[in-house]
């Protein structure tokens, strides 16, 4: 009994410090997470300006002054399924299975980095969060993006996330020209 009491006294300070650090870390994480809009259309809505069309309906006024593609968005159904699936396979194989963060891909990316191979472990949802909330590329920002990606997936569908991603990535230009 005396041994147990002396052990508790010996490590009680350390345990209390660890608990305090965990509470502080959780608080800082919680306060650093940025709110996401309830729809991805709201992200680009503030950038949309009136479009001028010619007689044939071709857009005459396109601006690239803002950070989002707002004038040449394609509907999800107009993007060929092969293109959609190719992006899912190359960017986020388990896109339809995870809820914002693919822990397997993330740990694999860390493991590969120790071997000298640089590859990303971000999901499509995390990349969309990064488009909406730009931050410096740090471990801390990756940590926050994971929470925000989970929140995003609770607010919008996978289809909306993939559509936003494909329209905002630079591939959109090529899709519009070819389809």
Foldseek 3Di string as FASTA:
>chain_A
DVVVVVVCVVCVVVVVVVVVVVVVVVVVLVVPADDDDLAPCVLCVVVDDDFDADPVRHTDDDDPPDQFHDPQADDLVLQDPVVLVVCCVVAPVCLVPDQQADVVLCVVQVVVVVVVDHDDSGHLLLVVVCSSPPDPDDPSSVVSSSVVSNVNSVRDPSSRSSSRSCRGPPCSVVSSVPD
